Amino acid sequence: MKRIFFALALSLLAAPAKSQFHSLTIPQASQPVSETQRVGVTDITLQYSSPRVRGRDVGATEIPQNGNPIAWRAGANMATTIE
């Protein structure tokens, strides 16, 4: 009888603790960004993932390949799209 009561009490205490962790959402390392600009009668939308700079100088640490610098791209998680 004690075992049944202990198991029931433990499960009743553990259930709310598990449900609290389910709603926790952690932001992405590179936040998605969408910019829209109207040019004439056309709307141009640029969608990309904004990289975190974290105090670094973007572009200063590029490693050249075959003597040519690597182009920095605006999209850390996925490809940049233009619509």
PDB file of N, CA and C in Angstrom:
ATOM      1  N   MET A   1       0.814  -1.189   0.000  1.00  0.00           N
ATOM      2  CA  MET A   1       0.000   0.000   0.000  1.00  0.00           C
ATOM      3  C   MET A   1       0.861   1.257   0.000  1.00  0.00           C
ATOM      4  N   LYS A   2       1.966   1.210   0.761  1.00  0.00           N
ATOM      5  CA  LYS A   2       2.852   2.367   0.803  1.00  0.00           C
ATOM      6  C   LYS A   2       3.491   2.616  -0.561  1.00  0.00           C
ATOM      7  N   ARG A   3       3.818   1.544  -1.260  1.00  0.00           N
ATOM      8  CA  ARG A   3       4.445   1.685  -2.582  1.00  0.00           C
ATOM      9  C   ARG A   3       3.488   2.337  -3.575  1.00  0.00           C
ATOM     10  N   ILE A   4       2.242   1.938  -3.536  1.00  0.00           N
ATOM     11  CA  ILE A   4       1.255   2.513  -4.448  1.00  0.00           C
ATOM     12  C   ILE A   4       1.058   3.995  -4.142  1.00  0.00           C
ATOM     13  N   PHE A   5       0.949   4.338  -2.868  1.00  0.00           N
ATOM     14  CA  PHE A   5       0.783   5.733  -2.478  1.00  0.00           C
ATOM     15  C   PHE A   5       2.002   6.564  -2.873  1.00  0.00           C
ATOM     16  N   PHE A   6       3.203   6.020  -2.660  1.00  0.00           N
ATOM     17  CA  PHE A   6       4.431   6.734  -3.013  1.00  0.00           C
ATOM     18  C   PHE A   6       4.526   6.944  -4.526  1.00  0.00           C
ATOM     19  N   ALA A   7       4.198   5.914  -5.314  1.00  0.00           N
ATOM     20  CA  ALA A   7       4.249   6.033  -6.775  1.00  0.00           C
ATOM     21  C   ALA A   7       3.234   7.054  -7.274  1.00  0.00           C
ATOM     22  N   LEU A   8       2.046   7.057  -6.681  1.00  0.00           N
ATOM     23  CA  LEU A   8       1.022   8.016  -7.072  1.00  0.00           C
ATOM     24  C   LEU A   8       1.438   9.444  -6.722  1.00  0.00           C
ATOM     25  N   ALA A   9       1.980   9.635  -5.528  1.00  0.00           N
ATOM     26  CA  ALA A   9       2.427  10.966  -5.107  1.00  0.00           C
ATOM     27  C   ALA A   9       3.576  11.456  -5.980  1.00  0.00           C
ATOM     28  N   LEU A  10       4.503  10.574  -6.303  1.00  0.00           N
ATOM     29  CA  LEU A  10       5.644  10.952  -7.141  1.00  0.00           C
ATOM     30  C   LEU A  10       5.188  11.343  -8.545  1.00  0.00           C
ATOM     31  N   SER A  11       4.249  10.596  -9.108  1.00  0.00           N
ATOM     32  CA  SER A  11       3.772  10.928 -10.455  1.00  0.00           C
ATOM     33  C   SER A  11       2.984  12.241 -10.461  1.00  0.00           C
ATOM     34  N   LEU A  12       2.244  12.516  -9.393  1.00  0.00           N
ATOM     35  CA  LEU A  12       1.512  13.779  -9.319  1.00  0.00           C
ATOM     36  C   LEU A  12       2.444  14.972  -9.167  1.00  0.00           C
ATOM     37  N   LEU A  13       3.580  14.782  -8.539  1.00  0.00           N
ATOM     38  CA  LEU A  13       4.551  15.863  -8.399  1.00  0.00           C
ATOM     39  C   LEU A  13       5.390  16.054  -9.660  1.00  0.00           C
ATOM     40  N   ALA A  14       5.648  14.979 -10.381  1.00  0.00           N
ATOM     41  CA  ALA A  14       6.514  15.051 -11.558  1.00  0.00           C
ATOM     42  C   ALA A  14       5.784  15.583 -12.793  1.00  0.00           C
ATOM     43  N   ALA A  15       4.495  15.372 -12.901  1.00  0.00           N
ATOM     44  CA  ALA A  15       3.745  15.786 -14.093  1.00  0.00           C
ATOM     45  C   ALA A  15       3.782  17.293 -14.321  1.00  0.00           C
ATOM     46  N   PRO A  16       3.537  18.150 -13.327  1.00  0.00           N
ATOM     47  CA  PRO A  16       3.613  19.599 -13.582  1.00  0.00           C
ATOM     48  C   PRO A  16       5.020  20.074 -13.921  1.00  0.00           C
ATOM     49  N   ALA A  17       6.027  19.436 -13.355  1.00  0.00           N
ATOM     50  CA  ALA A  17       7.403  19.844 -13.649  1.00  0.00           C
ATOM     51  C   ALA A  17       7.743  19.582 -15.109  1.00  0.00           C
ATOM     52  N   LYS A  18       7.283  18.468 -15.656  1.00  0.00           N
ATOM     53  CA  LYS A  18       7.551  18.148 -17.057  1.00  0.00           C
ATOM     54  C   LYS A  18       6.838  19.123 -17.990  1.00  0.00           C
ATOM     55  N   SER A  19       5.625  19.516 -17.658  1.00  0.00           N
ATOM     56  CA  SER A  19       4.871  20.408 -18.537  1.00  0.00           C
ATOM     57  C   SER A  19       5.453  21.821 -18.561  1.00  0.00           C
ATOM     58  N   GLN A  20       6.175  22.227 -17.547  1.00  0.00           N
ATOM     59  CA  GLN A  20       6.776  23.559 -17.529  1.00  0.00           C
ATOM     60  C   GLN A  20       7.900  23.682 -18.542  1.00  0.00           C
ATOM     61  N   PHE A  21       8.653  22.638 -18.773  1.00  0.00           N
ATOM     62  CA  PHE A  21       9.784  22.700 -19.688  1.00  0.00           C
ATOM     63  C   PHE A  21       9.352  22.638 -21.142  1.00  0.00           C
ATOM     64  N   HIS A  22       8.148  22.197 -21.410  1.00  0.00           N
ATOM     65  CA  HIS A  22       7.682  22.077 -22.784  1.00  0.00           C
ATOM     66  C   HIS A  22       7.474  23.444 -23.438  1.00  0.00           C
ATOM     67  N   SER A  23       7.073  24.446 -22.687  1.00  0.00           N
ATOM     68  CA  SER A  23       6.761  25.745 -23.264  1.00  0.00           C
ATOM     69  C   SER A  23       7.986  26.649 -23.441  1.00  0.00           C
ATOM     70  N   LEU A  24       9.146  26.202 -23.034  1.00  0.00           N
ATOM     71  CA  LEU A  24      10.353  27.013 -23.143  1.00  0.00           C
ATOM     72  C   LEU A  24      10.849  27.016 -24.584  1.00  0.00           C
ATOM     73  N   THR A  25      10.926  28.196 -25.192  1.00  0.00           N
ATOM     74  CA  THR A  25      11.451  28.315 -26.547  1.00  0.00           C
ATOM     75  C   THR A  25      12.735  29.135 -26.506  1.00  0.00           C
ATOM     76  N   ILE A  26      13.763  28.609 -27.107  1.00  0.00           N
ATOM     77  CA  ILE A  26      15.065  29.269 -27.149  1.00  0.00           C
ATOM     78  C   ILE A  26      15.203  29.936 -28.515  1.00  0.00           C
ATOM     79  N   PRO A  27      15.581  31.212 -28.568  1.00  0.00           N
ATOM     80  CA  PRO A  27      15.697  31.883 -29.864  1.00  0.00           C
ATOM     81  C   PRO A  27      16.828  31.293 -30.704  1.00  0.00           C
ATOM     82  N   GLN A  28      16.682  31.406 -32.013  1.00  0.00           N
ATOM     83  CA  GLN A  28      17.711  30.923 -32.926  1.00  0.00           C
ATOM     84  C   GLN A  28      18.968  31.757 -32.778  1.00  0.00           C
ATOM     85  N   ALA A  29      20.091  31.164 -33.124  1.00  0.00           N
ATOM     86  CA  ALA A  29      21.356  31.892 -33.058  1.00  0.00           C
ATOM     87  C   ALA A  29      21.356  33.065 -34.032  1.00  0.00           C
ATOM     88  N   SER A  30      20.768  32.873 -35.186  1.00  0.00           N
ATOM     89  CA  SER A  30      20.656  33.941 -36.186  1.00  0.00           C
ATOM     90  C   SER A  30      19.179  34.187 -36.449  1.00  0.00           C
ATOM     91  N   GLN A  31      18.698  35.332 -36.029  1.00  0.00           N
ATOM     92  CA  GLN A  31      17.278  35.650 -36.138  1.00  0.00           C
ATOM     93  C   GLN A  31      16.883  35.928 -37.589  1.00  0.00           C
ATOM     94  N   PRO A  32      15.715  35.419 -38.031  1.00  0.00           N
ATOM     95  CA  PRO A  32      15.257  35.718 -39.386  1.00  0.00           C
ATOM     96  C   PRO A  32      14.830  37.180 -39.513  1.00  0.00           C
ATOM     97  N   VAL A  33      15.184  37.793 -40.647  1.00  0.00           N
ATOM     98  CA  VAL A  33      14.880  39.199 -40.904  1.00  0.00           C
ATOM     99  C   VAL A  33      14.211  39.295 -42.273  1.00  0.00           C
ATOM    100  N   SER A  34      13.232  40.170 -42.383  1.00  0.00           N
ATOM    101  CA  SER A  34      12.564  40.415 -43.654  1.00  0.00           C
ATOM    102  C   SER A  34      12.470  41.925 -43.861  1.00  0.00           C
ATOM    103  N   GLU A  35      12.971  42.402 -44.978  1.00  0.00           N
ATOM    104  CA  GLU A  35      12.937  43.829 -45.317  1.00  0.00           C
ATOM    105  C   GLU A  35      12.162  43.987 -46.620  1.00  0.00           C
ATOM    106  N   THR A  36      11.244  44.947 -46.665  1.00  0.00           N
ATOM    107  CA  THR A  36      10.459  45.218 -47.865  1.00  0.00           C
ATOM    108  C   THR A  36      10.619  46.680 -48.251  1.00  0.00           C
ATOM    109  N   GLN A  37      10.839  46.917 -49.537  1.00  0.00           N
ATOM    110  CA  GLN A  37      11.005  48.278 -50.054  1.00  0.00           C
ATOM    111  C   GLN A  37      10.196  48.400 -51.335  1.00  0.00           C
ATOM    112  N   ARG A  38       9.471  49.489 -51.484  1.00  0.00           N
ATOM    113  CA  ARG A  38       8.710  49.731 -52.702  1.00  0.00           C
ATOM    114  C   ARG A  38       9.568  50.531 -53.664  1.00  0.00           C
ATOM    115  N   VAL A  39       9.751  49.998 -54.867  1.00  0.00           N
ATOM    116  CA  VAL A  39      10.497  50.663 -55.931  1.00  0.00           C
ATOM    117  C   VAL A  39       9.521  50.862 -57.081  1.00  0.00           C
ATOM    118  N   GLY A  40       9.109  52.097 -57.285  1.00  0.00           N
ATOM    119  CA  GLY A  40       8.097  52.376 -58.306  1.00  0.00           C
ATOM    120  C   GLY A  40       6.774  51.777 -57.884  1.00  0.00           C
ATOM    121  N   VAL A  41       6.277  50.821 -58.664  1.00  0.00           N
ATOM    122  CA  VAL A  41       5.028  50.139 -58.329  1.00  0.00           C
ATOM    123  C   VAL A  41       5.276  48.706 -57.861  1.00  0.00           C
ATOM    124  N   THR A  42       6.534  48.356 -57.655  1.00  0.00           N
ATOM    125  CA  THR A  42       6.903  46.995 -57.280  1.00  0.00           C
ATOM    126  C   THR A  42       7.422  46.949 -55.850  1.00  0.00           C
ATOM    127  N   ASP A  43       6.978  45.958 -55.090  1.00  0.00           N
ATOM    128  CA  ASP A  43       7.504  45.720 -53.747  1.00  0.00           C
ATOM    129  C   ASP A  43       8.597  44.664 -53.831  1.00  0.00           C
ATOM    130  N   ILE A  44       9.769  44.973 -53.299  1.00  0.00           N
ATOM    131  CA  ILE A  44      10.892  44.041 -53.264  1.00  0.00           C
ATOM    132  C   ILE A  44      11.097  43.628 -51.812  1.00  0.00           C
ATOM    133  N   THR A  45      11.107  42.314 -51.562  1.00  0.00           N
ATOM    134  CA  THR A  45      11.278  41.778 -50.216  1.00  0.00           C
ATOM    135  C   THR A  45      12.569  40.985 -50.155  1.00  0.00           C
ATOM    136  N   LEU A  46      13.379  41.266 -49.157  1.00  0.00           N
ATOM    137  CA  LEU A  46      14.641  40.570 -48.930  1.00  0.00           C
ATOM    138  C   LEU A  46      14.515  39.826 -47.613  1.00  0.00           C
ATOM    139  N   GLN A  47      14.673  38.491 -47.642  1.00  0.00           N
ATOM    140  CA  GLN A  47      14.573  37.671 -46.440  1.00  0.00           C
ATOM    141  C   GLN A  47      15.905  36.979 -46.201  1.00  0.00           C
ATOM    142  N   TYR A  48      16.425  37.101 -44.977  1.00  0.00           N
ATOM    143  CA  TYR A  48      17.708  36.485 -44.640  1.00  0.00           C
ATOM    144  C   TYR A  48      17.776  36.234 -43.147  1.00  0.00           C
ATOM    145  N   SER A  49      18.768  35.466 -42.725  1.00  0.00           N
ATOM    146  CA  SER A  49      19.016  35.230 -41.304  1.00  0.00           C
ATOM    147  C   SER A  49      20.122  36.161 -40.861  1.00  0.00           C
ATOM    148  N   SER A  50      19.834  36.991 -39.883  1.00  0.00           N
ATOM    149  CA  SER A  50      20.778  38.001 -39.409  1.00  0.00           C
ATOM    150  C   SER A  50      21.826  37.366 -38.500  1.00  0.00           C
ATOM    151  N   PRO A  51      23.087  37.341 -38.914  1.00  0.00           N
ATOM    152  CA  PRO A  51      24.117  36.726 -38.070  1.00  0.00           C
ATOM    153  C   PRO A  51      24.450  37.601 -36.867  1.00  0.00           C
ATOM    154  N   ARG A  52      24.824  36.973 -35.781  1.00  0.00           N
ATOM    155  CA  ARG A  52      25.263  37.707 -34.596  1.00  0.00           C
ATOM    156  C   ARG A  52      26.716  38.103 -34.776  1.00  0.00           C
ATOM    157  N   VAL A  53      27.002  39.351 -34.594  1.00  0.00           N
ATOM    158  CA  VAL A  53      28.367  39.847 -34.771  1.00  0.00           C
ATOM    159  C   VAL A  53      29.176  39.628 -33.501  1.00  0.00           C
ATOM    160  N   ARG A  54      28.567  39.818 -32.330  1.00  0.00           N
ATOM    161  CA  ARG A  54      29.200  39.589 -31.025  1.00  0.00           C
ATOM    162  C   ARG A  54      30.541  40.291 -30.882  1.00  0.00           C
ATOM    163  N   GLY A  55      30.620  41.540 -31.261  1.00  0.00           N
ATOM    164  CA  GLY A  55      31.843  42.313 -31.076  1.00  0.00           C
ATOM    165  C   GLY A  55      32.899  42.102 -32.144  1.00  0.00           C
ATOM    166  N   ARG A  56      32.656  41.222 -33.095  1.00  0.00           N
ATOM    167  CA  ARG A  56      33.629  40.977 -34.159  1.00  0.00           C
ATOM    168  C   ARG A  56      33.454  41.993 -35.275  1.00  0.00           C
ATOM    169  N   ASP A  57      34.504  42.203 -36.041  1.00  0.00           N
ATOM    170  CA  ASP A  57      34.445  43.065 -37.214  1.00  0.00           C
ATOM    171  C   ASP A  57      34.163  42.173 -38.418  1.00  0.00           C
ATOM    172  N   VAL A  58      32.945  42.237 -38.926  1.00  0.00           N
ATOM    173  CA  VAL A  58      32.560  41.389 -40.051  1.00  0.00           C
ATOM    174  C   VAL A  58      33.341  41.820 -41.282  1.00  0.00           C
ATOM    175  N   GLY A  59      34.022  40.905 -41.887  1.00  0.00           N
ATOM    176  CA  GLY A  59      34.791  41.202 -43.086  1.00  0.00           C
ATOM    177  C   GLY A  59      36.271  41.376 -42.835  1.00  0.00           C
ATOM    178  N   ALA A  60      36.673  41.603 -41.601  1.00  0.00           N
ATOM    179  CA  ALA A  60      38.092  41.811 -41.318  1.00  0.00           C
ATOM    180  C   ALA A  60      38.846  40.495 -41.195  1.00  0.00           C
ATOM    181  N   THR A  61      38.128  39.408 -40.933  1.00  0.00           N
ATOM    182  CA  THR A  61      38.792  38.119 -40.725  1.00  0.00           C
ATOM    183  C   THR A  61      38.558  37.163 -41.885  1.00  0.00           C
ATOM    184  N   GLU A  62      38.276  37.685 -43.058  1.00  0.00           N
ATOM    185  CA  GLU A  62      38.061  36.825 -44.219  1.00  0.00           C
ATOM    186  C   GLU A  62      39.367  36.170 -44.633  1.00  0.00           C
ATOM    187  N   ILE A  63      39.300  34.893 -44.942  1.00  0.00           N
ATOM    188  CA  ILE A  63      40.483  34.161 -45.386  1.00  0.00           C
ATOM    189  C   ILE A  63      40.410  34.050 -46.905  1.00  0.00           C
ATOM    190  N   PRO A  64      41.372  34.627 -47.616  1.00  0.00           N
ATOM    191  CA  PRO A  64      41.309  34.575 -49.079  1.00  0.00           C
ATOM    192  C   PRO A  64      41.571  33.169 -49.614  1.00  0.00           C
ATOM    193  N   GLN A  65      40.908  32.841 -50.711  1.00  0.00           N
ATOM    194  CA  GLN A  65      41.142  31.582 -51.407  1.00  0.00           C
ATOM    195  C   GLN A  65      41.680  31.912 -52.790  1.00  0.00           C
ATOM    196  N   ASN A  66      42.822  31.382 -53.113  1.00  0.00           N
ATOM    197  CA  ASN A  66      43.492  31.627 -54.395  1.00  0.00           C
ATOM    198  C   ASN A  66      43.747  33.115 -54.617  1.00  0.00           C
ATOM    199  N   GLY A  67      44.007  33.849 -53.544  1.00  0.00           N
ATOM    200  CA  GLY A  67      44.298  35.268 -53.650  1.00  0.00           C
ATOM    201  C   GLY A  67      43.079  36.161 -53.686  1.00  0.00           C
ATOM    202  N   ASN A  68      41.873  35.586 -53.760  1.00  0.00           N
ATOM    203  CA  ASN A  68      40.635  36.365 -53.800  1.00  0.00           C
ATOM    204  C   ASN A  68      39.936  36.283 -52.444  1.00  0.00           C
ATOM    205  N   PRO A  69      39.441  37.417 -51.931  1.00  0.00           N
ATOM    206  CA  PRO A  69      38.733  37.357 -50.648  1.00  0.00           C
ATOM    207  C   PRO A  69      37.381  36.656 -50.793  1.00  0.00           C
ATOM    208  N   ILE A  70      36.935  36.019 -49.722  1.00  0.00           N
ATOM    209  CA  ILE A  70      35.639  35.346 -49.711  1.00  0.00           C
ATOM    210  C   ILE A  70      34.558  36.394 -49.489  1.00  0.00           C
ATOM    211  N   ALA A  71      33.508  36.324 -50.269  1.00  0.00           N
ATOM    212  CA  ALA A  71      32.399  37.267 -50.107  1.00  0.00           C
ATOM    213  C   ALA A  71      31.596  36.899 -48.870  1.00  0.00           C
ATOM    214  N   TRP A  72      31.298  37.903 -48.038  1.00  0.00           N
ATOM    215  CA  TRP A  72      30.472  37.671 -46.862  1.00  0.00           C
ATOM    216  C   TRP A  72      29.034  37.608 -47.320  1.00  0.00           C
ATOM    217  N   ARG A  73      28.297  36.638 -46.843  1.00  0.00           N
ATOM    218  CA  ARG A  73      26.904  36.494 -47.266  1.00  0.00           C
ATOM    219  C   ARG A  73      25.965  36.870 -46.131  1.00  0.00           C
ATOM    220  N   ALA A  74      24.848  37.445 -46.461  1.00  0.00           N
ATOM    221  CA  ALA A  74      23.840  37.819 -45.471  1.00  0.00           C
ATOM    222  C   ALA A  74      22.856  36.676 -45.323  1.00  0.00           C
ATOM    223  N   GLY A  75      23.200  35.701 -44.541  1.00  0.00           N
ATOM    224  CA  GLY A  75      22.326  34.555 -44.315  1.00  0.00           C
ATOM    225  C   GLY A  75      23.078  33.472 -43.596  1.00  0.00           C
ATOM    226  N   ALA A  76      22.926  33.389 -42.293  1.00  0.00           N
ATOM    227  CA  ALA A  76      23.700  32.434 -41.522  1.00  0.00           C
ATOM    228  C   ALA A  76      23.047  31.060 -41.497  1.00  0.00           C
ATOM    229  N   ASN A  77      21.720  30.978 -41.500  1.00  0.00           N
ATOM    230  CA  ASN A  77      21.041  29.691 -41.375  1.00  0.00           C
ATOM    231  C   ASN A  77      20.495  29.167 -42.693  1.00  0.00           C
ATOM    232  N   MET A  78      20.089  30.038 -43.562  1.00  0.00           N
ATOM    233  CA  MET A  78      19.497  29.604 -44.821  1.00  0.00           C
ATOM    234  C   MET A  78      19.833  30.611 -45.911  1.00  0.00           C
ATOM    235  N   ALA A  79      19.546  30.256 -47.129  1.00  0.00           N
ATOM    236  CA  ALA A  79      19.880  31.121 -48.254  1.00  0.00           C
ATOM    237  C   ALA A  79      19.044  32.394 -48.235  1.00  0.00           C
ATOM    238  N   THR A  80      19.647  33.484 -48.688  1.00  0.00           N
ATOM    239  CA  THR A  80      18.946  34.758 -48.805  1.00  0.00           C
ATOM    240  C   THR A  80      18.001  34.683 -49.994  1.00  0.00           C
ATOM    241  N   THR A  81      16.765  35.158 -49.817  1.00  0.00           N
ATOM    242  CA  THR A  81      15.799  35.157 -50.915  1.00  0.00           C
ATOM    243  C   THR A  81      15.352  36.577 -51.206  1.00  0.00           C
ATOM    244  N   ILE A  82      15.161  36.857 -52.488  1.00  0.00           N
ATOM    245  CA  ILE A  82      14.654  38.155 -52.942  1.00  0.00           C
ATOM    246  C   ILE A  82      13.381  37.880 -53.727  1.00  0.00           C
ATOM    247  N   GLU A  83      12.299  38.530 -53.334  1.00  0.00           N
ATOM    248  CA  GLU A  83      11.015  38.345 -54.036  1.00  0.00           C
ATOM    249  C   GLU A  83      10.578  39.651 -54.641  1.00  0.00           C
TER     250      GLU A  83
END
